[in-house]
Amino acid sequence: MTVYFLSDFGTADVFAGVVRAVLVRRAPGVRVVDLAHDLPPGDLRHAALQLYAAVPHLAEGGVVLAVVDPGVGSDRRALAVRGERLWYVLPDNGLLTLAAELDPPRAAWVLEPRRFAPGPVSPTFHGRDLFAPAAAHLALGQPPDALGPRLDVGELVRLPLATAAGREGEVIAFDRFGNAISNLRPSQRPEAVHLAGRRIPFRTTFADVPEGEAVAYLGSSGLVEIAIRGGSLREKFKLFEGAAVSLHGPEEEPPPLELD
């Protein structure tokens, strides 16, 4: 069995390594694949997007351990969720919002550590004391009902975030290169993208425009992205998450740029 581990723990401290150690101690022989640990701390939208990008490539039946948890120690629920293809162990804070579009939840359980993780649970390190033992339990093929009571999947917390097949959308995240990632999944190839009052050509890849020019393209996760060849679009355009993005044909002009 494979556990796919995503977190914002970083790699400068031992947090991610300790979680891995708990996994292999409690489930000897389990394979642990590190998806990412340098996510922006506490950024649920960015983490939800990364999970969305990863899910199609994970082996069916695997366990996704996702720990981006700004509400650790609060009354937010800790969950095990069964999707159509994968298991998920994560806080109930919306992390699953986008991945659920690809792997719809079929059942959920609220984790009760006294049932499966005897010993103290740190109020600041649920990744080690709560989520890792639950993920190991599932990786061993143990029954999910031993983790805690069932929860109706309709009660899962969702972020106000969704991908869209239409022409109007928004920037939902930026990658480490400063490229903007939108929530748009085009059904047809557009001619251009309008962003921040600019008409940006839609091409196949960065090399299709000169150095320093903006380009829109279909990213590897199937969403429209916008970049500056050889630079940071985020810095050059002074953009923020939530900026409006729209797809257009060859004759359509961008709307006028509103200035404060």
Protein backbone atom coordinates (compact mmCIF):
# COMPACT_ATOMS: atom_id res chain seq x y z
CA MET A 1 0.00 0.00 0.00
CA THR A 2 1.15 3.54 -0.73
CA VAL A 3 0.60 6.66 1.37
CA TYR A 4 0.84 9.95 -0.55
CA PHE A 5 1.92 12.71 1.83
CA LEU A 6 1.19 16.41 1.26
CA SER A 7 1.82 19.11 3.87
CA ASP A 8 3.01 22.63 4.60
CA PHE A 9 5.56 21.39 7.16
CA GLY A 10 8.56 22.35 5.02
CA THR A 11 11.87 20.52 5.07
CA ALA A 12 13.92 22.74 7.40
CA ASP A 13 12.43 21.08 10.50
CA VAL A 14 11.74 17.47 11.43
CA PHE A 15 7.93 17.61 11.22
CA ALA A 16 7.50 15.89 7.84
CA GLY A 17 10.18 13.32 8.66
CA VAL A 18 8.60 12.46 12.00
CA VAL A 19 5.22 11.91 10.34
CA ARG A 20 6.91 9.56 7.86
CA ALA A 21 8.57 7.74 10.76
CA VAL A 22 5.20 7.19 12.45
CA LEU A 23 3.77 5.83 9.20
CA VAL A 24 6.51 3.26 8.65
CA ARG A 25 6.58 2.27 12.34
CA ARG A 26 2.85 1.64 12.50
CA ALA A 27 2.57 0.15 9.00
CA PRO A 28 5.83 -1.68 8.23
CA GLY A 29 6.37 -2.05 4.51
CA VAL A 30 4.19 0.91 3.56
CA ARG A 31 5.54 3.06 0.75
CA VAL A 32 5.46 6.80 1.40
CA VAL A 33 5.49 9.19 -1.56
CA ASP A 34 6.14 12.83 -0.70
CA LEU A 35 3.96 15.00 -2.93
CA ALA A 36 5.04 18.37 -1.47
CA HIS A 37 5.97 19.87 1.89
CA ASP A 38 6.92 23.45 0.97
CA LEU A 39 3.39 24.70 0.38
CA PRO A 40 2.62 28.23 1.63
CA PRO A 41 1.86 27.77 5.34
CA GLY A 42 -1.86 27.55 6.03
CA ASP A 43 -2.86 28.39 2.44
CA LEU A 44 -5.84 26.09 1.92
CA ARG A 45 -6.65 27.27 -1.62
CA HIS A 46 -3.13 26.57 -2.81
CA ALA A 47 -3.06 23.21 -1.04
CA ALA A 48 -6.45 22.25 -2.51
CA LEU A 49 -5.11 23.05 -5.98
CA GLN A 50 -1.99 20.95 -5.44
CA LEU A 51 -4.11 18.02 -4.32
CA TYR A 52 -6.30 18.45 -7.41
CA ALA A 53 -3.21 18.37 -9.64
CA ALA A 54 -1.87 15.22 -7.97
CA VAL A 55 -4.97 13.02 -7.65
CA PRO A 56 -5.20 11.80 -11.28
CA HIS A 57 -1.69 10.35 -11.03
CA LEU A 58 -2.07 8.40 -7.78
CA ALA A 59 -2.56 4.63 -7.79
CA GLU A 60 -6.10 3.49 -7.06
CA GLY A 61 -6.64 2.38 -3.48
CA GLY A 62 -3.81 4.50 -2.07
CA VAL A 63 -4.09 6.69 1.01
CA VAL A 64 -3.65 10.45 0.67
CA LEU A 65 -2.37 12.04 3.89
CA ALA A 66 -2.89 15.81 3.52
CA VAL A 67 -1.94 18.04 6.43
CA VAL A 68 -2.38 21.76 5.87
CA ASP A 69 -4.13 22.63 9.06
CA PRO A 70 -4.26 26.24 10.28
CA GLY A 71 -7.06 25.19 12.66
CA VAL A 72 -5.02 22.50 14.43
CA GLY A 73 -6.10 22.13 18.05
CA SER A 74 -9.49 23.77 17.45
CA ASP A 75 -12.88 22.07 17.17
CA ARG A 76 -12.47 21.41 13.44
CA ARG A 77 -13.05 17.76 12.61
CA ALA A 78 -10.35 15.31 11.58
CA LEU A 79 -11.48 12.92 8.85
CA ALA A 80 -10.96 9.76 6.91
CA VAL A 81 -12.76 9.98 3.57
CA ARG A 82 -13.32 7.26 1.00
CA GLY A 83 -13.41 8.55 -2.56
CA GLU A 84 -14.23 6.56 -5.66
CA ARG A 85 -10.52 5.79 -6.17
CA LEU A 86 -8.56 6.86 -3.10
CA TRP A 87 -8.62 7.22 0.66
CA TYR A 88 -8.02 10.64 2.23
CA VAL A 89 -6.92 11.44 5.78
CA LEU A 90 -7.04 15.16 6.45
CA PRO A 91 -8.61 17.99 8.45
CA ASP A 92 -12.17 18.98 7.59
CA ASN A 93 -11.25 22.45 6.36
CA GLY A 94 -11.94 22.34 2.61
CA LEU A 95 -8.66 20.76 1.49
CA LEU A 96 -10.66 18.19 -0.48
CA THR A 97 -12.78 20.77 -2.34
CA LEU A 98 -11.14 20.54 -5.77
CA ALA A 99 -9.96 16.92 -5.59
CA ALA A 100 -13.57 15.93 -4.90
CA GLU A 101 -14.42 17.03 -8.45
CA LEU A 102 -12.13 14.26 -9.73
CA ASP A 103 -12.65 11.67 -6.99
CA PRO A 104 -16.08 12.21 -5.42
CA PRO A 105 -16.36 11.30 -1.71
CA ARG A 106 -18.49 8.22 -1.04
CA ALA A 107 -18.14 7.88 2.76
CA ALA A 108 -16.50 9.73 5.65
CA TRP A 109 -15.53 9.05 9.26
CA VAL A 110 -14.67 11.47 12.07
CA LEU A 111 -11.39 10.42 13.67
CA GLU A 112 -11.53 9.60 17.38
CA PRO A 113 -7.93 8.95 18.45
CA ARG A 114 -8.85 6.96 21.58
CA ARG A 115 -10.07 4.21 19.22
CA PHE A 116 -6.87 3.75 17.22
CA ALA A 117 -4.07 5.94 18.59
CA PRO A 118 -3.60 5.33 22.32
CA GLY A 119 -1.45 7.89 24.04
CA PRO A 120 -1.41 11.68 24.22
CA VAL A 121 -2.32 13.77 21.18
CA SER A 122 -0.39 17.03 20.88
CA PRO A 123 -2.79 19.94 20.27
CA THR A 124 -0.26 21.41 17.84
CA PHE A 125 0.90 18.28 15.96
CA HIS A 126 -2.12 16.31 14.81
CA GLY A 127 -0.11 15.26 11.76
CA ARG A 128 2.03 13.02 13.96
CA ASP A 129 -0.44 11.90 16.63
CA LEU A 130 -3.76 11.72 14.77
CA PHE A 131 -3.52 11.78 10.99
CA ALA A 132 -0.44 9.55 10.56
CA PRO A 133 -1.83 6.73 12.76
CA ALA A 134 -5.15 6.89 10.89
CA ALA A 135 -3.39 6.76 7.51
CA ALA A 136 -1.30 3.79 8.68
CA HIS A 137 -4.48 2.04 9.86
CA LEU A 138 -6.02 2.36 6.40
CA ALA A 139 -2.77 1.43 4.64
CA LEU A 140 -2.85 -1.87 6.55
CA GLY A 141 -6.33 -2.56 5.20
CA GLN A 142 -7.98 -2.16 8.59
CA PRO A 143 -11.70 -1.25 8.73
CA PRO A 144 -12.48 2.48 8.70
CA ASP A 145 -15.29 2.04 11.23
CA ALA A 146 -12.58 1.47 13.84
CA LEU A 147 -11.42 5.07 13.35
CA GLY A 148 -14.60 6.76 14.53
CA PRO A 149 -18.25 7.44 13.70
CA ARG A 150 -19.51 7.94 10.18
CA LEU A 151 -20.23 11.40 8.80
CA ASP A 152 -22.52 12.25 5.90
CA VAL A 153 -20.32 13.42 3.02
CA GLY A 154 -22.73 16.28 2.44
CA GLU A 155 -21.46 17.78 5.70
CA LEU A 156 -17.83 18.05 4.56
CA VAL A 157 -16.49 21.60 4.70
CA ARG A 158 -16.00 23.13 1.26
CA LEU A 159 -14.00 26.16 0.23
CA PRO A 160 -15.71 28.73 -2.04
CA LEU A 161 -13.67 27.32 -4.88
CA ALA A 162 -14.44 25.29 -8.02
CA THR A 163 -13.10 24.73 -11.50
CA ALA A 164 -15.23 26.11 -14.32
CA ALA A 165 -15.81 25.01 -17.91
CA GLY A 166 -17.12 28.44 -18.98
CA ARG A 167 -15.34 31.59 -20.14
CA GLU A 168 -15.26 33.58 -16.90
CA GLY A 169 -13.07 32.63 -13.96
CA GLU A 170 -10.39 33.82 -11.57
CA VAL A 171 -6.80 33.34 -10.51
CA ILE A 172 -6.85 30.79 -7.69
CA ALA A 173 -3.12 30.41 -7.01
CA PHE A 174 0.41 31.22 -8.12
CA ASP A 175 3.19 28.67 -8.48
CA ARG A 176 6.74 29.23 -7.25
CA PHE A 177 7.70 30.77 -10.61
CA GLY A 178 5.03 33.48 -10.33
CA ASN A 179 2.76 31.90 -12.94
CA ALA A 180 -0.96 32.47 -12.39
CA ILE A 181 -3.20 29.40 -12.24
CA SER A 182 -6.86 29.96 -13.02
CA ASN A 183 -9.89 27.81 -12.27
CA LEU A 184 -10.84 27.59 -15.97
CA ARG A 185 -11.06 24.25 -17.81
CA PRO A 186 -11.70 25.25 -21.43
CA SER A 187 -13.83 22.96 -23.58
CA GLN A 188 -12.35 24.60 -26.69
CA ARG A 189 -9.01 26.26 -27.31
CA PRO A 190 -9.36 30.05 -26.91
CA GLU A 191 -7.46 32.62 -28.94
CA ALA A 192 -6.64 34.83 -25.99
CA VAL A 193 -7.04 35.38 -22.27
CA HIS A 194 -7.99 38.70 -20.74
CA LEU A 195 -6.32 39.44 -17.42
CA ALA A 196 -5.74 42.76 -15.64
CA GLY A 197 -6.96 44.72 -18.67
CA ARG A 198 -4.59 42.96 -21.04
CA ARG A 199 -5.21 40.65 -23.97
CA ILE A 200 -2.73 37.78 -23.65
CA PRO A 201 -2.27 35.31 -26.52
CA PHE A 202 -3.12 31.67 -25.88
CA ARG A 203 -0.31 29.40 -27.05
CA THR A 204 1.02 25.89 -26.43
CA THR A 205 4.04 26.71 -24.29
CA PHE A 206 6.36 29.48 -23.06
CA ALA A 207 8.70 29.26 -26.06
CA ASP A 208 5.88 30.39 -28.37
CA VAL A 209 6.36 34.04 -27.30
CA PRO A 210 9.48 36.23 -27.02
CA GLU A 211 11.40 36.51 -23.77
CA GLY A 212 9.65 38.81 -21.31
CA GLU A 213 6.22 38.53 -22.99
CA ALA A 214 3.05 37.20 -21.38
CA VAL A 215 1.51 33.95 -22.59
CA ALA A 216 -1.55 31.89 -21.65
CA TYR A 217 -1.58 28.11 -22.06
CA LEU A 218 -3.21 24.92 -20.83
CA GLY A 219 -1.27 23.83 -17.75
CA SER A 220 -0.38 20.27 -16.87
CA SER A 221 -3.38 19.98 -14.52
CA GLY A 222 -5.82 20.92 -17.30
CA LEU A 223 -6.39 24.48 -16.08
CA VAL A 224 -5.59 27.71 -17.94
CA GLU A 225 -2.38 29.32 -16.70
CA ILE A 226 -0.76 32.65 -17.52
CA ALA A 227 2.97 33.33 -17.34
CA ILE A 228 5.76 35.68 -18.35
CA ARG A 229 8.43 33.91 -20.35
CA GLY A 230 11.56 34.11 -18.23
CA GLY A 231 9.91 36.14 -15.47
CA SER A 232 7.24 36.34 -12.80
CA LEU A 233 3.78 37.34 -13.99
CA ARG A 234 2.71 37.91 -10.39
CA GLU A 235 5.44 40.50 -9.84
CA LYS A 236 5.17 42.20 -13.22
CA PHE A 237 1.37 42.58 -13.17
CA LYS A 238 1.13 43.08 -9.37
CA LEU A 239 -1.54 40.38 -9.24
CA PHE A 240 -3.40 38.77 -6.36
CA GLU A 241 -5.54 35.68 -6.02
CA GLY A 242 -9.09 36.38 -7.14
CA ALA A 243 -8.11 38.47 -10.18
CA ALA A 244 -10.68 38.02 -12.96
CA VAL A 245 -9.71 35.87 -15.96
CA SER A 246 -11.74 35.41 -19.14
CA LEU A 247 -11.31 33.43 -22.36
CA HIS A 248 -11.93 35.11 -25.73
CA GLY A 249 -11.90 34.68 -29.49
CA PRO A 250 -9.69 36.55 -31.98
CA GLU A 251 -11.87 39.67 -32.39
CA GLU A 252 -12.79 40.33 -28.80
CA GLU A 253 -11.07 43.15 -26.95
CA PRO A 254 -10.45 43.23 -23.21
CA PRO A 255 -12.72 45.36 -21.06
CA PRO A 256 -11.31 48.76 -20.02
CA LEU A 257 -8.94 48.63 -17.07
CA GLU A 258 -10.52 50.25 -14.03
CA LEU A 259 -8.09 52.46 -12.14
CA ASP A 260 -8.51 53.62 -8.55
